[in-house]
C-alpha atoms as a PDB file:
ATOM      1  CA  MET A   1     -42.073 -16.567  53.096  1.00  0.00           C
ATOM      2  CA  LYS A   2     -44.201 -13.782  51.848  1.00  0.00           C
ATOM      3  CA  LYS A   3     -41.085 -12.116  50.660  1.00  0.00           C
ATOM      4  CA  LYS A   4     -40.078 -15.030  48.719  1.00  0.00           C
ATOM      5  CA  GLN A   5     -43.531 -15.324  47.210  1.00  0.00           C
ATOM      6  CA  VAL A   6     -43.385 -11.671  46.049  1.00  0.00           C
ATOM      7  CA  LEU A   7     -39.938 -11.989  44.664  1.00  0.00           C
ATOM      8  CA  LEU A   8     -41.067 -15.033  42.691  1.00  0.00           C
ATOM      9  CA  ALA A   9     -44.125 -13.121  41.388  1.00  0.00           C
ATOM     10  CA  VAL A  10     -42.102 -10.155  40.333  1.00  0.00           C
ATOM     11  CA  PHE A  11     -39.664 -12.520  38.509  1.00  0.00           C
ATOM     12  CA  ALA A  12     -42.523 -14.336  36.727  1.00  0.00           C
ATOM     13  CA  ALA A  13     -44.283 -11.193  35.612  1.00  0.00           C
ATOM     14  CA  THR A  14     -40.883  -9.889  34.268  1.00  0.00           C
ATOM     15  CA  MET A  15     -40.314 -13.010  32.309  1.00  0.00           C
ATOM     16  CA  LEU A  16     -43.842 -13.317  30.948  1.00  0.00           C
ATOM     17  CA  THR A  17     -44.401  -9.896  29.947  1.00  0.00           C
ATOM     18  CA  PRO A  18     -42.558 -10.231  26.568  1.00  0.00           C
ATOM     19  CA  THR A  19     -44.323 -13.365  25.795  1.00  0.00           C
ATOM     20  CA  VAL A  20     -47.703 -11.863  26.527  1.00  0.00           C
ATOM     21  CA  ALA A  21     -46.790  -8.784  24.542  1.00  0.00           C
ATOM     22  CA  TRP A  22     -45.751 -10.961  21.666  1.00  0.00           C
ATOM     23  CA  ALA A  23     -49.064 -12.986  21.850  1.00  0.00           C
ATOM     24  CA  GLN A  24     -51.061  -9.901  21.704  1.00  0.00           C
ATOM     25  CA  TYR A  25     -49.194  -8.469  18.662  1.00  0.00           C
ATOM     26  CA  PRO A  26     -47.810 -11.386  16.824  1.00  0.00           C
ATOM     27  CA  GLN A  27     -46.905  -9.626  13.650  1.00  0.00           C
ATOM     28  CA  ILE A  28     -45.631  -6.175  12.858  1.00  0.00           C
ATOM     29  CA  SER A  29     -46.010  -5.207   9.415  1.00  0.00           C
ATOM     30  CA  GLY A  30     -42.954  -4.292   7.201  1.00  0.00           C
ATOM     31  CA  GLU A  31     -44.471  -0.861   6.621  1.00  0.00           C
ATOM     32  CA  ALA A  32     -44.590  -0.318  10.538  1.00  0.00           C
ATOM     33  CA  LYS A  33     -40.966  -1.182  10.912  1.00  0.00           C
ATOM     34  CA  GLU A  34     -39.998   0.993   8.138  1.00  0.00           C
ATOM     35  CA  ASN A  35     -41.894   3.942   9.532  1.00  0.00           C
ATOM     36  CA  TYR A  36     -40.487   3.304  12.890  1.00  0.00           C
ATOM     37  CA  THR A  37     -36.844   3.020  11.657  1.00  0.00           C
ATOM     38  CA  LYS A  38     -37.434   6.168   9.582  1.00  0.00           C
ATOM     39  CA  MET A  39     -38.839   8.170  12.715  1.00  0.00           C
ATOM     40  CA  MET A  40     -35.869   7.002  14.677  1.00  0.00           C
ATOM     41  CA  THR A  41     -33.420   8.188  12.082  1.00  0.00           C
ATOM     42  CA  GLU A  42     -34.985  11.543  11.822  1.00  0.00           C
ATOM     43  CA  GLU A  43     -35.072  11.976  15.537  1.00  0.00           C
ATOM     44  CA  ARG A  44     -31.336  11.074  15.773  1.00  0.00           C
ATOM     45  CA  LYS A  45     -30.476  13.408  13.094  1.00  0.00           C
ATOM     46  CA  ARG A  46     -32.270  16.275  14.746  1.00  0.00           C
ATOM     47  CA  SER A  47     -30.729  15.346  18.233  1.00  0.00           C
ATOM     48  CA  ASP A  48     -27.153  15.230  16.403  1.00  0.00           C
ATOM     49  CA  GLU A  49     -27.852  18.690  14.848  1.00  0.00           C
ATOM     50  CA  ALA A  50     -28.919  20.144  18.215  1.00  0.00           C
ATOM     51  CA  TRP A  51     -25.850  18.708  19.892  1.00  0.00           C
ATOM     52  CA  ALA A  52     -23.629  19.974  17.221  1.00  0.00           C
ATOM     53  CA  LYS A  53     -24.787  23.628  18.094  1.00  0.00           C
ATOM     54  CA  ALA A  54     -24.666  23.050  21.672  1.00  0.00           C
ATOM     55  CA  LEU A  55     -21.114  21.676  21.935  1.00  0.00           C
ATOM     56  CA  PRO A  56     -19.100  24.613  21.403  1.00  0.00           C
ATOM     57  CA  ILE A  57     -21.215  26.441  24.265  1.00  0.00           C
ATOM     58  CA  VAL A  58     -20.748  23.461  26.545  1.00  0.00           C
ATOM     59  CA  GLN A  59     -17.077  23.127  26.097  1.00  0.00           C
ATOM     60  CA  LYS A  60     -16.549  26.951  26.463  1.00  0.00           C
ATOM     61  CA  GLU A  61     -18.645  26.937  29.738  1.00  0.00           C
ATOM     62  CA  ALA A  62     -16.547  23.792  31.013  1.00  0.00           C
ATOM     63  CA  ARG A  63     -13.174  25.612  30.252  1.00  0.00           C
ATOM     64  CA  GLU A  64     -14.446  28.589  32.436  1.00  0.00           C
ATOM     65  CA  GLY A  65     -15.276  26.300  35.189  1.00  0.00           C
ATOM     66  CA  ARG A  66     -19.053  26.021  34.855  1.00  0.00           C
ATOM     67  CA  PRO A  67     -20.238  22.496  35.015  1.00  0.00           C
ATOM     68  CA  TYR A  68     -22.377  20.890  32.459  1.00  0.00           C
ATOM     69  CA  ILE A  69     -24.791  18.323  34.020  1.00  0.00           C
ATOM     70  CA  PRO A  70     -26.423  15.895  31.593  1.00  0.00           C
ATOM     71  CA  TRP A  71     -30.065  15.146  32.404  1.00  0.00           C
ATOM     72  CA  ALA A  72     -31.369  12.071  30.473  1.00  0.00           C
ATOM     73  CA  GLY A  73     -31.155  12.861  26.857  1.00  0.00           C
ATOM     74  CA  ARG A  74     -27.606  12.395  25.619  1.00  0.00           C
ATOM     75  CA  PRO A  75     -25.240  11.707  28.661  1.00  0.00           C
ATOM     76  CA  TYR A  76     -22.989   9.725  26.393  1.00  0.00           C
ATOM     77  CA  ASP A  77     -21.835  13.043  24.567  1.00  0.00           C
ATOM     78  CA  LEU A  78     -19.615  14.201  27.470  1.00  0.00           C
ATOM     79  CA  PRO A  79     -16.825  11.725  27.225  1.00  0.00           C
ATOM     80  CA  GLN A  80     -16.928  11.845  23.392  1.00  0.00           C
ATOM     81  CA  ALA A  81     -16.530  15.678  23.667  1.00  0.00           C
ATOM     82  CA  ASP A  82     -13.751  15.351  26.253  1.00  0.00           C
ATOM     83  CA  ILE A  83     -15.515  17.690  28.595  1.00  0.00           C
ATOM     84  CA  PRO A  84     -14.198  17.520  32.273  1.00  0.00           C
ATOM     85  CA  SER A  85     -16.498  16.462  34.957  1.00  0.00           C
ATOM     86  CA  PHE A  86     -14.977  18.913  37.316  1.00  0.00           C
ATOM     87  CA  PRO A  87     -12.613  21.858  36.032  1.00  0.00           C
ATOM     88  CA  GLY A  88      -9.002  20.439  36.260  1.00  0.00           C
ATOM     89  CA  ALA A  89     -10.150  16.778  37.392  1.00  0.00           C
ATOM     90  CA  GLU A  90      -9.310  13.546  35.681  1.00  0.00           C
ATOM     91  CA  GLY A  91     -11.988  11.142  34.239  1.00  0.00           C
ATOM     92  CA  GLY A  92     -13.886  13.346  31.612  1.00  0.00           C
ATOM     93  CA  GLY A  93     -17.558  13.737  31.497  1.00  0.00           C
ATOM     94  CA  MET A  94     -18.254  10.039  32.161  1.00  0.00           C
ATOM     95  CA  MET A  95     -17.491  10.520  35.851  1.00  0.00           C
ATOM     96  CA  GLN A  96     -19.900  13.306  36.003  1.00  0.00           C
ATOM     97  CA  THR A  97     -22.547  11.224  34.398  1.00  0.00           C
ATOM     98  CA  VAL A  98     -22.054   8.391  36.757  1.00  0.00           C
ATOM     99  CA  ILE A  99     -22.198  10.731  39.699  1.00  0.00           C
ATOM    100  CA  MET A 100     -25.326  12.300  38.750  1.00  0.00           C
ATOM    101  CA  GLY A 101     -26.953   8.982  37.931  1.00  0.00           C
ATOM    102  CA  ILE A 102     -26.151   7.792  41.354  1.00  0.00           C
ATOM    103  CA  VAL A 103     -27.528  10.810  43.038  1.00  0.00           C
ATOM    104  CA  ASN A 104     -30.736  10.412  41.043  1.00  0.00           C
ATOM    105  CA  ILE A 105     -31.134   6.742  42.125  1.00  0.00           C
ATOM    106  CA  VAL A 106     -30.200   7.331  45.730  1.00  0.00           C
ATOM    107  CA  PHE A 107     -32.556  10.248  46.161  1.00  0.00           C
ATOM    108  CA  THR A 108     -35.413   8.716  44.299  1.00  0.00           C
ATOM    109  CA  LEU A 109     -35.109   5.737  46.698  1.00  0.00           C
ATOM    110  CA  VAL A 110     -35.246   8.328  49.513  1.00  0.00           C
ATOM    111  CA  ALA A 111     -38.428   9.554  48.210  1.00  0.00           C
ATOM    112  CA  ILE A 112     -39.913   5.986  47.717  1.00  0.00           C
ATOM    113  CA  PHE A 113     -39.055   4.844  51.365  1.00  0.00           C
ATOM    114  CA  THR A 114     -40.071   8.311  53.026  1.00  0.00           C
ATOM    115  CA  VAL A 115     -43.229   9.494  51.088  1.00  0.00           C
ATOM    116  CA  ASP A 116     -45.606   7.193  53.078  1.00  0.00           C
ATOM    117  CA  ARG A 117     -43.896   7.898  56.282  1.00  0.00           C
ATOM    118  CA  PHE A 118     -43.588  11.588  56.325  1.00  0.00           C
ATOM    119  CA  GLY A 119     -46.324  12.445  53.961  1.00  0.00           C
ATOM    120  CA  ARG A 120     -46.399  14.425  50.574  1.00  0.00           C
ATOM    121  CA  LYS A 121     -46.319  17.911  51.889  1.00  0.00           C
ATOM    122  CA  PRO A 122     -43.274  17.852  53.940  1.00  0.00           C
ATOM    123  CA  LEU A 123     -41.324  16.325  51.258  1.00  0.00           C
ATOM    124  CA  LEU A 124     -42.366  18.734  48.723  1.00  0.00           C
ATOM    125  CA  ILE A 125     -41.653  21.697  51.157  1.00  0.00           C
ATOM    126  CA  ILE A 126     -38.089  20.293  52.107  1.00  0.00           C
ATOM    127  CA  GLY A 127     -37.334  19.569  48.397  1.00  0.00           C
ATOM    128  CA  SER A 128     -38.452  22.986  47.216  1.00  0.00           C
ATOM    129  CA  ILE A 129     -36.294  24.635  49.928  1.00  0.00           C
ATOM    130  CA  GLY A 130     -33.251  22.433  48.995  1.00  0.00           C
ATOM    131  CA  MET A 131     -33.701  23.278  45.425  1.00  0.00           C
ATOM    132  CA  ALA A 132     -33.724  26.944  46.128  1.00  0.00           C
ATOM    133  CA  VAL A 133     -30.530  26.642  48.189  1.00  0.00           C
ATOM    134  CA  GLY A 134     -28.867  24.831  45.218  1.00  0.00           C
ATOM    135  CA  ALA A 135     -30.037  27.369  42.676  1.00  0.00           C
ATOM    136  CA  PHE A 136     -29.225  30.417  44.764  1.00  0.00           C
ATOM    137  CA  MET A 137     -25.731  28.839  45.295  1.00  0.00           C
ATOM    138  CA  VAL A 138     -25.130  28.486  41.597  1.00  0.00           C
ATOM    139  CA  ALA A 139     -26.243  31.981  40.956  1.00  0.00           C
ATOM    140  CA  ILE A 140     -23.927  33.330  43.709  1.00  0.00           C
ATOM    141  CA  CYS A 141     -20.984  31.252  42.045  1.00  0.00           C
ATOM    142  CA  ASP A 142     -21.775  32.804  38.704  1.00  0.00           C
ATOM    143  CA  ASN A 143     -21.912  36.310  40.090  1.00  0.00           C
ATOM    144  CA  TRP A 144     -18.791  36.064  41.975  1.00  0.00           C
ATOM    145  CA  GLY A 145     -16.942  34.184  39.446  1.00  0.00           C
ATOM    146  CA  ILE A 146     -16.419  30.971  41.819  1.00  0.00           C
ATOM    147  CA  LYS A 147     -15.272  28.100  39.926  1.00  0.00           C
ATOM    148  CA  GLY A 148     -14.494  24.274  40.740  1.00  0.00           C
ATOM    149  CA  ILE A 149     -16.200  22.017  42.965  1.00  0.00           C
ATOM    150  CA  ILE A 150     -18.648  24.511  44.647  1.00  0.00           C
ATOM    151  CA  PRO A 151     -20.937  25.170  41.595  1.00  0.00           C
ATOM    152  CA  VAL A 152     -20.824  21.537  40.710  1.00  0.00           C
ATOM    153  CA  LEU A 153     -21.945  20.572  44.315  1.00  0.00           C
ATOM    154  CA  SER A 154     -24.603  23.195  44.115  1.00  0.00           C
ATOM    155  CA  ILE A 155     -26.012  21.544  40.968  1.00  0.00           C
ATOM    156  CA  ILE A 156     -25.918  18.262  42.660  1.00  0.00           C
ATOM    157  CA  VAL A 157     -27.740  19.643  45.723  1.00  0.00           C
ATOM    158  CA  TYR A 158     -30.420  20.971  43.328  1.00  0.00           C
ATOM    159  CA  ALA A 159     -30.826  17.594  41.572  1.00  0.00           C
ATOM    160  CA  ALA A 160     -30.767  15.690  44.807  1.00  0.00           C
ATOM    161  CA  PHE A 161     -33.643  17.488  46.392  1.00  0.00           C
ATOM    162  CA  PHE A 162     -35.583  17.599  43.135  1.00  0.00           C
ATOM    163  CA  MET A 163     -35.233  13.650  42.943  1.00  0.00           C
ATOM    164  CA  MET A 164     -36.483  13.103  46.467  1.00  0.00           C
ATOM    165  CA  SER A 165     -39.432  15.639  46.127  1.00  0.00           C
ATOM    166  CA  TRP A 166     -40.914  16.996  42.926  1.00  0.00           C
ATOM    167  CA  GLY A 167     -39.434  14.518  40.608  1.00  0.00           C
ATOM    168  CA  PRO A 168     -41.650  11.566  41.755  1.00  0.00           C
ATOM    169  CA  ILE A 169     -43.918  12.947  44.286  1.00  0.00           C
ATOM    170  CA  CYS A 170     -45.830  15.318  42.132  1.00  0.00           C
ATOM    171  CA  TRP A 171     -47.132  12.368  40.141  1.00  0.00           C
ATOM    172  CA  VAL A 172     -48.311  10.651  43.343  1.00  0.00           C
ATOM    173  CA  LEU A 173     -50.038  13.871  44.347  1.00  0.00           C
ATOM    174  CA  ILE A 174     -51.821  14.301  40.978  1.00  0.00           C
ATOM    175  CA  ALA A 175     -53.174  10.792  41.186  1.00  0.00           C
ATOM    176  CA  GLU A 176     -54.579  11.286  44.868  1.00  0.00           C
ATOM    177  CA  ILE A 177     -55.592  14.999  45.299  1.00  0.00           C
ATOM    178  CA  PHE A 178     -58.525  15.305  43.066  1.00  0.00           C
ATOM    179  CA  PRO A 179     -62.142  14.276  43.838  1.00  0.00           C
ATOM    180  CA  ASN A 180     -64.052  11.677  41.983  1.00  0.00           C
ATOM    181  CA  THR A 181     -66.404  13.949  40.289  1.00  0.00           C
ATOM    182  CA  ILE A 182     -63.478  15.767  38.266  1.00  0.00           C
ATOM    183  CA  ARG A 183     -60.702  13.289  38.741  1.00  0.00           C
ATOM    184  CA  GLY A 184     -60.324  12.080  35.112  1.00  0.00           C
ATOM    185  CA  ALA A 185     -60.373  15.783  33.516  1.00  0.00           C
ATOM    186  CA  ALA A 186     -58.343  17.145  36.486  1.00  0.00           C
ATOM    187  CA  VAL A 187     -55.644  14.643  36.096  1.00  0.00           C
ATOM    188  CA  ALA A 188     -55.478  15.093  32.376  1.00  0.00           C
ATOM    189  CA  ILE A 189     -55.108  18.770  32.620  1.00  0.00           C
ATOM    190  CA  ALA A 190     -52.588  18.545  35.565  1.00  0.00           C
ATOM    191  CA  VAL A 191     -50.280  16.100  33.291  1.00  0.00           C
ATOM    192  CA  ALA A 192     -50.766  18.399  30.391  1.00  0.00           C
ATOM    193  CA  PHE A 193     -49.420  21.348  32.363  1.00  0.00           C
ATOM    194  CA  GLN A 194     -46.589  19.353  33.661  1.00  0.00           C
ATOM    195  CA  TRP A 195     -45.378  18.803  30.121  1.00  0.00           C
ATOM    196  CA  ILE A 196     -46.227  22.271  28.834  1.00  0.00           C
ATOM    197  CA  PHE A 197     -43.951  23.837  31.789  1.00  0.00           C
ATOM    198  CA  ASN A 198     -41.377  21.385  30.912  1.00  0.00           C
ATOM    199  CA  PHE A 199     -41.303  22.493  27.421  1.00  0.00           C
ATOM    200  CA  ILE A 200     -41.394  26.239  28.740  1.00  0.00           C
ATOM    201  CA  VAL A 201     -38.247  25.724  31.083  1.00  0.00           C
ATOM    202  CA  SER A 202     -36.278  23.865  28.411  1.00  0.00           C
ATOM    203  CA  SER A 203     -36.800  26.316  25.786  1.00  0.00           C
ATOM    204  CA  THR A 204     -36.150  29.391  27.806  1.00  0.00           C
ATOM    205  CA  PHE A 205     -33.227  28.314  29.884  1.00  0.00           C
ATOM    206  CA  LEU A 206     -30.653  28.925  27.131  1.00  0.00           C
ATOM    207  CA  PRO A 207     -31.791  32.389  26.100  1.00  0.00           C
ATOM    208  CA  MET A 208     -32.030  33.460  29.770  1.00  0.00           C
ATOM    209  CA  TYR A 209     -28.627  32.044  30.535  1.00  0.00           C
ATOM    210  CA  ASN A 210     -27.006  33.987  27.567  1.00  0.00           C
ATOM    211  CA  MET A 211     -28.627  37.327  28.327  1.00  0.00           C
ATOM    212  CA  ARG A 212     -26.355  40.220  28.535  1.00  0.00           C
ATOM    213  CA  LEU A 213     -26.633  43.426  30.685  1.00  0.00           C
ATOM    214  CA  GLY A 214     -24.143  46.389  30.608  1.00  0.00           C
ATOM    215  CA  GLU A 215     -20.806  45.706  32.184  1.00  0.00           C
ATOM    216  CA  MET A 216     -21.816  42.391  33.729  1.00  0.00           C
ATOM    217  CA  GLY A 217     -22.035  40.972  30.174  1.00  0.00           C
ATOM    218  CA  ASP A 218     -23.426  37.537  29.995  1.00  0.00           C
ATOM    219  CA  LYS A 219     -22.631  36.972  33.640  1.00  0.00           C
ATOM    220  CA  PHE A 220     -26.073  38.574  34.373  1.00  0.00           C
ATOM    221  CA  GLY A 221     -27.753  35.927  32.305  1.00  0.00           C
ATOM    222  CA  HIS A 222     -25.999  33.151  34.283  1.00  0.00           C
ATOM    223  CA  MET A 223     -27.032  34.646  37.555  1.00  0.00           C
ATOM    224  CA  PHE A 224     -30.427  35.586  36.666  1.00  0.00           C
ATOM    225  CA  ALA A 225     -31.524  32.156  35.222  1.00  0.00           C
ATOM    226  CA  TYR A 226     -30.647  30.364  38.317  1.00  0.00           C
ATOM    227  CA  ALA A 227     -31.758  33.206  40.830  1.00  0.00           C
ATOM    228  CA  LEU A 228     -35.058  33.023  39.039  1.00  0.00           C
ATOM    229  CA  TYR A 229     -35.421  29.281  39.612  1.00  0.00           C
ATOM    230  CA  GLY A 230     -34.447  29.692  43.081  1.00  0.00           C
ATOM    231  CA  ILE A 231     -37.144  32.219  43.715  1.00  0.00           C
ATOM    232  CA  ILE A 232     -39.701  29.808  41.898  1.00  0.00           C
ATOM    233  CA  CYS A 233     -38.702  27.022  44.324  1.00  0.00           C
ATOM    234  CA  VAL A 234     -39.297  29.426  47.270  1.00  0.00           C
ATOM    235  CA  ALA A 235     -42.710  30.300  45.858  1.00  0.00           C
ATOM    236  CA  ALA A 236     -43.439  26.473  45.339  1.00  0.00           C
ATOM    237  CA  ALA A 237     -42.564  25.822  49.113  1.00  0.00           C
ATOM    238  CA  LEU A 238     -45.002  28.462  50.032  1.00  0.00           C
ATOM    239  CA  PHE A 239     -47.657  27.271  47.686  1.00  0.00           C
ATOM    240  CA  VAL A 240     -47.521  23.691  48.973  1.00  0.00           C
ATOM    241  CA  TRP A 241     -47.461  24.949  52.672  1.00  0.00           C
ATOM    242  CA  LYS A 242     -50.463  27.175  52.452  1.00  0.00           C
ATOM    243  CA  LEU A 243     -52.636  25.612  49.612  1.00  0.00           C
ATOM    244  CA  VAL A 244     -51.805  21.852  48.903  1.00  0.00           C
ATOM    245  CA  PRO A 245     -53.830  19.327  51.262  1.00  0.00           C
ATOM    246  CA  GLU A 246     -52.008  16.379  52.561  1.00  0.00           C
ATOM    247  CA  THR A 247     -53.039  13.244  50.800  1.00  0.00           C
ATOM    248  CA  LYS A 248     -51.248  10.655  52.891  1.00  0.00           C
ATOM    249  CA  GLY A 249     -53.605   7.929  54.165  1.00  0.00           C
ATOM    250  CA  LYS A 250     -56.642   9.431  52.521  1.00  0.00           C
ATOM    251  CA  THR A 251     -58.901   7.707  50.075  1.00  0.00           C
ATOM    252  CA  LEU A 252     -60.539   9.360  47.154  1.00  0.00           C
ATOM    253  CA  GLU A 253     -63.767   9.496  49.100  1.00  0.00           C
ATOM    254  CA  ASP A 254     -61.827  11.456  51.948  1.00  0.00           C
ATOM    255  CA  MET A 255     -60.471  13.887  49.220  1.00  0.00           C
ATOM    256  CA  THR A 256     -63.960  14.603  47.941  1.00  0.00           C
ATOM    257  CA  LYS A 257     -65.292  15.267  51.510  1.00  0.00           C
ATOM    258  CA  LEU A 258     -62.238  17.529  52.067  1.00  0.00           C
ATOM    259  CA  TRP A 259     -62.667  19.796  48.850  1.00  0.00           C
ATOM    260  CA  LYS A 260     -66.441  19.845  49.753  1.00  0.00           C
ATOM    261  CA  LYS A 261     -65.592  21.353  53.132  1.00  0.00           C
ATOM    262  CA  LYS A 262     -63.180  24.038  51.522  1.00  0.00           C
ATOM    263  CA  LYS A 263     -66.247  25.277  49.576  1.00  0.00           C
END
């Protein structure tokens, strides 16, 4: 009975949300619509320009057997560019996009259903180790010239362990770990650092990946980038193990007492 009531409540909330939003904001000025359209047009233009620059690199990497995994930005570009999901496989980039979408959904659900059973720390540590394994495997494949399904599976392993740990759980931890006295400012700083480092990783990956060194050429950059990410994942596992307290089942008052004891 309770399940039916919950489902009905969720359905009602879903149906009523647009109505409530429209009641709060009954009129959107023509100027606002025009500004929004202009902003989206400019954003699309910048995105298209960036993809036009990236496309030759992505196609070259795909021909050499190095997989391109779309994240969230422009997964629809792969089938349009006729980029194979696996070297020599049928189906094009759409299959790869579907596979990654399924992996992301499944392992996010794993995190949802296990975070309160096993706790935040164990999942973060397991996720870090799994991500390190995936990243080191990609680095080894690049160094040894291994092509085909193995590097693809390595990246899928990396993504799967990320989605069951750091992807969703770090946001849970940020909301729970800080004492009430500094919670507002601390959460704001933590979220700001999240996005700052997202920008740093995004902006430094391609330069690192294309680094060249002596006879190794760009193979050095391919190996270095993923090896560095693997090392960072190992460091993250150690950091969580040694320094991050478990927040499972603890109230904010409990966390305040815990931090006072650690002083």
